[in-house]
């Protein structure tokens, strides 16, 4: 019979739960985004430490830095480095993960 679908197998574990290909892509996109957030957070923490130590040390040791870098400037330097590291790492991770999986067919 042409309309009989009783013996059709789901081609994906997600489809067995009622998720179609579009929903599966949405789940994968959320996973890629989460991986990007984790990578960005790690990079921001490391960048904060890596930029705060020399900034604070230079303010204590260098007469020029002591005169010209008030606490607001120090905070801006550290936060700019941390923010940049976060977005660069998150973007690279999301793009790399998506690129790696873009040529793979959906999981059978």
N, C-alpha and C. Protein backbone atom coordinates (compact mmCIF):
# COMPACT_ATOMS: atom_id res chain seq x y z
N UNK A 1 0.82 -1.18 0.00
CA UNK A 1 0.00 0.00 0.00
C UNK A 1 0.87 1.25 0.00
N UNK A 2 0.50 2.23 -0.76
CA UNK A 2 1.32 3.43 -0.87
C UNK A 2 1.25 4.29 0.38
N UNK A 3 0.16 4.31 1.10
CA UNK A 3 0.02 5.18 2.26
C UNK A 3 0.40 4.52 3.57
N UNK A 4 0.84 3.25 3.55
CA UNK A 4 1.17 2.53 4.77
C UNK A 4 2.56 2.93 5.25
N UNK A 5 2.64 3.54 6.43
CA UNK A 5 3.91 3.99 7.00
C UNK A 5 4.29 3.19 8.24
N UNK A 6 3.73 2.02 8.41
CA UNK A 6 3.96 1.27 9.64
C UNK A 6 5.37 0.70 9.73
N UNK A 7 6.03 0.47 8.60
CA UNK A 7 7.37 -0.12 8.64
C UNK A 7 8.48 0.88 8.30
N UNK A 8 8.22 2.18 8.38
CA UNK A 8 9.23 3.20 8.10
C UNK A 8 10.07 3.40 9.36
N UNK A 9 11.39 3.36 9.21
CA UNK A 9 12.32 3.53 10.32
C UNK A 9 12.74 5.00 10.41
N UNK A 10 12.89 5.49 11.61
CA UNK A 10 13.44 6.84 11.81
C UNK A 10 14.93 6.79 11.48
N UNK A 11 15.40 7.81 10.76
CA UNK A 11 16.80 7.80 10.35
C UNK A 11 17.72 8.45 11.38
N UNK A 12 17.18 8.95 12.47
CA UNK A 12 17.98 9.63 13.47
C UNK A 12 17.41 9.36 14.85
N UNK A 13 18.28 9.28 15.87
CA UNK A 13 17.76 9.13 17.23
C UNK A 13 16.88 10.32 17.64
N UNK A 14 17.20 11.50 17.11
CA UNK A 14 16.38 12.66 17.43
C UNK A 14 15.02 12.57 16.76
N UNK A 15 14.96 11.99 15.58
CA UNK A 15 13.69 11.85 14.90
C UNK A 15 12.80 10.84 15.60
N UNK A 16 13.41 9.88 16.29
CA UNK A 16 12.61 8.92 17.03
C UNK A 16 11.88 9.61 18.17
N UNK A 17 12.41 10.69 18.67
CA UNK A 17 11.77 11.45 19.73
C UNK A 17 10.81 12.49 19.18
N UNK A 18 10.58 12.47 17.90
CA UNK A 18 9.65 13.41 17.30
C UNK A 18 10.31 14.66 16.76
N UNK A 19 11.64 14.74 16.79
CA UNK A 19 12.33 15.91 16.27
C UNK A 19 12.68 15.68 14.81
N UNK A 20 12.36 16.64 13.99
CA UNK A 20 12.69 16.55 12.58
C UNK A 20 14.05 17.14 12.31
N UNK A 21 14.43 17.18 11.04
CA UNK A 21 15.76 17.70 10.69
C UNK A 21 15.96 19.17 11.10
N UNK A 22 14.92 19.97 11.00
CA UNK A 22 15.05 21.38 11.38
C UNK A 22 15.28 21.52 12.88
N UNK A 23 14.55 20.74 13.66
CA UNK A 23 14.74 20.77 15.11
C UNK A 23 16.11 20.23 15.49
N UNK A 24 16.58 19.23 14.76
CA UNK A 24 17.90 18.67 15.03
C UNK A 24 18.98 19.72 14.77
N UNK A 25 18.81 20.49 13.70
CA UNK A 25 19.77 21.56 13.42
C UNK A 25 19.74 22.63 14.50
N UNK A 26 18.56 22.90 15.04
CA UNK A 26 18.45 23.88 16.12
C UNK A 26 19.15 23.39 17.37
N UNK A 27 19.01 22.11 17.69
CA UNK A 27 19.69 21.53 18.85
C UNK A 27 21.20 21.60 18.65
N UNK A 28 21.67 21.29 17.45
CA UNK A 28 23.11 21.35 17.17
C UNK A 28 23.62 22.78 17.27
N UNK A 29 22.84 23.76 16.78
CA UNK A 29 23.26 25.16 16.85
C UNK A 29 23.36 25.62 18.30
N UNK A 30 22.43 25.18 19.14
CA UNK A 30 22.51 25.54 20.56
C UNK A 30 23.75 24.93 21.21
N UNK A 31 24.08 23.68 20.81
CA UNK A 31 25.27 23.05 21.37
C UNK A 31 26.52 23.79 20.93
N UNK A 32 26.57 24.20 19.67
CA UNK A 32 27.73 24.95 19.18
C UNK A 32 27.86 26.27 19.94
N UNK A 33 26.73 26.93 20.17
CA UNK A 33 26.75 28.19 20.91
C UNK A 33 27.25 28.00 22.33
N UNK A 34 26.80 26.92 22.96
CA UNK A 34 27.25 26.64 24.33
C UNK A 34 28.75 26.37 24.37
N UNK A 35 29.25 25.62 23.40
CA UNK A 35 30.70 25.37 23.33
C UNK A 35 31.46 26.67 23.16
N UNK A 36 30.91 27.59 22.38
CA UNK A 36 31.54 28.90 22.19
C UNK A 36 31.56 29.71 23.47
N UNK A 37 30.48 29.65 24.24
CA UNK A 37 30.43 30.38 25.51
C UNK A 37 31.47 29.83 26.48
N UNK A 38 31.59 28.52 26.54
CA UNK A 38 32.57 27.90 27.45
C UNK A 38 33.99 28.30 27.03
N UNK A 39 34.28 28.20 25.75
CA UNK A 39 35.62 28.56 25.27
C UNK A 39 35.90 30.04 25.48
N UNK A 40 34.91 30.89 25.25
CA UNK A 40 35.09 32.32 25.45
C UNK A 40 35.32 32.67 26.91
N UNK A 41 34.60 31.99 27.79
CA UNK A 41 34.78 32.26 29.22
C UNK A 41 36.18 31.86 29.68
N UNK A 42 36.64 30.71 29.22
CA UNK A 42 38.00 30.29 29.57
C UNK A 42 39.02 31.31 29.08
N UNK A 43 38.86 31.74 27.84
CA UNK A 43 39.80 32.71 27.27
C UNK A 43 39.75 34.03 28.02
N UNK A 44 38.56 34.47 28.43
CA UNK A 44 38.43 35.74 29.15
C UNK A 44 39.10 35.67 30.52
N UNK A 45 38.96 34.54 31.20
CA UNK A 45 39.59 34.39 32.51
C UNK A 45 41.11 34.45 32.37
N UNK A 46 41.63 33.70 31.39
CA UNK A 46 43.08 33.71 31.19
C UNK A 46 43.58 35.09 30.76
N UNK A 47 42.83 35.76 29.90
CA UNK A 47 43.24 37.09 29.44
C UNK A 47 43.17 38.11 30.57
N UNK A 48 42.21 37.96 31.47
CA UNK A 48 42.12 38.87 32.60
C UNK A 48 43.36 38.75 33.48
N UNK A 49 43.73 37.53 33.77
CA UNK A 49 44.93 37.31 34.59
C UNK A 49 46.17 37.81 33.87
N UNK A 50 46.25 37.47 32.57
CA UNK A 50 47.44 37.83 31.80
C UNK A 50 47.57 39.34 31.61
N UNK A 51 46.49 40.07 31.64
CA UNK A 51 46.60 41.53 31.46
C UNK A 51 46.59 42.28 32.78
N UNK A 52 45.97 41.73 33.81
CA UNK A 52 45.90 42.44 35.09
C UNK A 52 47.26 42.47 35.79
N UNK A 53 47.97 41.36 35.72
CA UNK A 53 49.26 41.30 36.42
C UNK A 53 50.24 42.34 35.88
N UNK A 54 50.50 42.41 34.58
CA UNK A 54 51.44 43.44 34.11
C UNK A 54 50.92 44.87 34.25
N UNK A 55 49.60 45.04 34.13
CA UNK A 55 49.05 46.39 34.29
C UNK A 55 49.26 46.90 35.71
N UNK A 56 48.90 46.07 36.68
CA UNK A 56 49.07 46.49 38.07
C UNK A 56 50.55 46.61 38.44
N UNK A 57 51.37 45.74 37.90
CA UNK A 57 52.81 45.82 38.20
C UNK A 57 53.42 47.08 37.60
N UNK A 58 53.01 47.44 36.40
CA UNK A 58 53.58 48.64 35.78
C UNK A 58 53.15 49.91 36.51
N UNK A 59 51.93 49.92 37.04
CA UNK A 59 51.48 51.10 37.78
C UNK A 59 52.29 51.27 39.07
N UNK A 60 52.70 50.15 39.66
CA UNK A 60 53.49 50.24 40.89
C UNK A 60 54.95 50.58 40.62
N UNK A 61 55.49 50.16 39.47
CA UNK A 61 56.92 50.31 39.22
C UNK A 61 57.30 51.47 38.30
N UNK A 62 56.46 51.79 37.35
CA UNK A 62 56.80 52.80 36.37
C UNK A 62 56.25 54.18 36.79
N UNK A 63 57.10 55.19 36.82
CA UNK A 63 56.61 56.53 37.18
C UNK A 63 55.60 57.07 36.16
N UNK A 64 55.83 56.79 34.87
CA UNK A 64 54.88 57.26 33.85
C UNK A 64 53.52 56.63 34.05
N UNK A 65 53.48 55.31 34.26
CA UNK A 65 52.20 54.62 34.45
C UNK A 65 51.53 55.09 35.73
N UNK A 66 52.31 55.34 36.76
CA UNK A 66 51.74 55.79 38.04
C UNK A 66 51.05 57.15 37.85
N UNK A 67 51.65 58.02 37.03
CA UNK A 67 51.06 59.35 36.78
C UNK A 67 49.86 59.30 35.86
N UNK A 68 49.91 58.44 34.84
CA UNK A 68 48.93 58.52 33.76
C UNK A 68 47.84 57.45 33.76
N UNK A 69 48.00 56.39 34.49
CA UNK A 69 46.98 55.33 34.48
C UNK A 69 46.25 55.31 35.82
N UNK A 70 45.13 56.01 35.87
CA UNK A 70 44.33 55.99 37.08
C UNK A 70 43.57 54.65 37.16
N UNK A 71 42.89 54.38 38.25
CA UNK A 71 42.20 53.09 38.37
C UNK A 71 41.18 52.81 37.26
N UNK A 72 40.54 53.86 36.74
CA UNK A 72 39.60 53.66 35.64
C UNK A 72 40.34 53.18 34.39
N UNK A 73 41.47 53.76 34.09
CA UNK A 73 42.25 53.34 32.92
C UNK A 73 42.73 51.90 33.08
N UNK A 74 43.14 51.56 34.27
CA UNK A 74 43.59 50.18 34.52
C UNK A 74 42.44 49.19 34.29
N UNK A 75 41.27 49.53 34.81
CA UNK A 75 40.11 48.65 34.63
C UNK A 75 39.71 48.55 33.16
N UNK A 76 39.82 49.65 32.43
CA UNK A 76 39.49 49.62 31.00
C UNK A 76 40.46 48.73 30.22
N UNK A 77 41.73 48.79 30.56
CA UNK A 77 42.72 47.95 29.89
C UNK A 77 42.40 46.48 30.11
N UNK A 78 42.16 46.11 31.35
CA UNK A 78 41.91 44.71 31.68
C UNK A 78 40.60 44.24 31.06
N UNK A 79 39.55 45.04 31.16
CA UNK A 79 38.25 44.61 30.63
C UNK A 79 38.24 44.56 29.11
N UNK A 80 38.97 45.46 28.46
CA UNK A 80 39.05 45.43 27.00
C UNK A 80 39.73 44.15 26.52
N UNK A 81 40.80 43.78 27.18
CA UNK A 81 41.51 42.55 26.81
C UNK A 81 40.63 41.33 27.07
N UNK A 82 39.96 41.30 28.22
CA UNK A 82 39.11 40.15 28.55
C UNK A 82 37.92 40.05 27.59
N UNK A 83 37.30 41.17 27.29
CA UNK A 83 36.16 41.15 26.36
C UNK A 83 36.57 40.73 24.96
N UNK A 84 37.69 41.23 24.52
CA UNK A 84 38.18 40.85 23.18
C UNK A 84 38.49 39.36 23.12
N UNK A 85 39.14 38.86 24.15
CA UNK A 85 39.48 37.43 24.18
C UNK A 85 38.22 36.58 24.18
N UNK A 86 37.20 37.00 24.93
CA UNK A 86 35.95 36.26 24.99
C UNK A 86 35.32 36.14 23.60
N UNK A 87 35.14 37.28 22.94
CA UNK A 87 34.44 37.26 21.67
C UNK A 87 35.25 36.58 20.57
N UNK A 88 36.55 36.75 20.58
CA UNK A 88 37.37 36.09 19.56
C UNK A 88 37.33 34.58 19.75
N UNK A 89 37.52 34.11 20.98
CA UNK A 89 37.52 32.67 21.24
C UNK A 89 36.14 32.05 20.98
N UNK A 90 35.09 32.72 21.41
CA UNK A 90 33.74 32.19 21.20
C UNK A 90 33.42 32.11 19.72
N UNK A 91 33.75 33.16 18.98
CA UNK A 91 33.47 33.18 17.55
C UNK A 91 34.25 32.10 16.82
N UNK A 92 35.53 31.97 17.13
CA UNK A 92 36.35 30.95 16.47
C UNK A 92 35.85 29.55 16.79
N UNK A 93 35.43 29.31 18.03
CA UNK A 93 34.95 28.00 18.41
C UNK A 93 33.65 27.65 17.71
N UNK A 94 32.71 28.58 17.68
CA UNK A 94 31.43 28.32 17.02
C UNK A 94 31.65 28.08 15.53
N UNK A 95 32.46 28.90 14.90
CA UNK A 95 32.69 28.72 13.46
C UNK A 95 33.43 27.42 13.15
N UNK A 96 34.42 27.09 13.97
CA UNK A 96 35.17 25.85 13.74
C UNK A 96 34.28 24.62 13.93
N UNK A 97 33.45 24.64 14.94
CA UNK A 97 32.57 23.51 15.20
C UNK A 97 31.53 23.38 14.10
N UNK A 98 30.96 24.49 13.68
CA UNK A 98 29.97 24.45 12.61
C UNK A 98 30.60 24.01 11.29
N UNK A 99 31.81 24.51 11.02
CA UNK A 99 32.48 24.13 9.78
C UNK A 99 32.81 22.64 9.78
N UNK A 100 33.26 22.14 10.93
CA UNK A 100 33.62 20.73 11.04
C UNK A 100 32.41 19.83 10.79
N UNK A 101 31.25 20.26 11.23
CA UNK A 101 30.06 19.42 11.12
C UNK A 101 29.17 19.78 9.93
N UNK A 102 29.54 20.78 9.15
CA UNK A 102 28.67 21.20 8.05
C UNK A 102 28.66 20.20 6.90
N UNK A 103 29.73 19.45 6.73
CA UNK A 103 29.79 18.51 5.62
C UNK A 103 29.30 17.12 6.01
N UNK A 104 29.06 16.94 7.30
CA UNK A 104 28.57 15.66 7.79
C UNK A 104 27.06 15.60 7.65
N UNK A 105 26.52 14.50 7.15
CA UNK A 105 25.06 14.40 7.11
C UNK A 105 24.52 14.27 8.53
N UNK A 106 23.23 14.50 8.68
CA UNK A 106 22.62 14.37 9.99
C UNK A 106 22.80 12.93 10.48
N UNK A 107 22.96 12.78 11.79
CA UNK A 107 23.26 11.47 12.39
C UNK A 107 22.20 10.44 12.02
N UNK A 108 22.63 9.26 11.50
CA UNK A 108 21.64 8.23 11.18
C UNK A 108 21.20 7.46 12.40
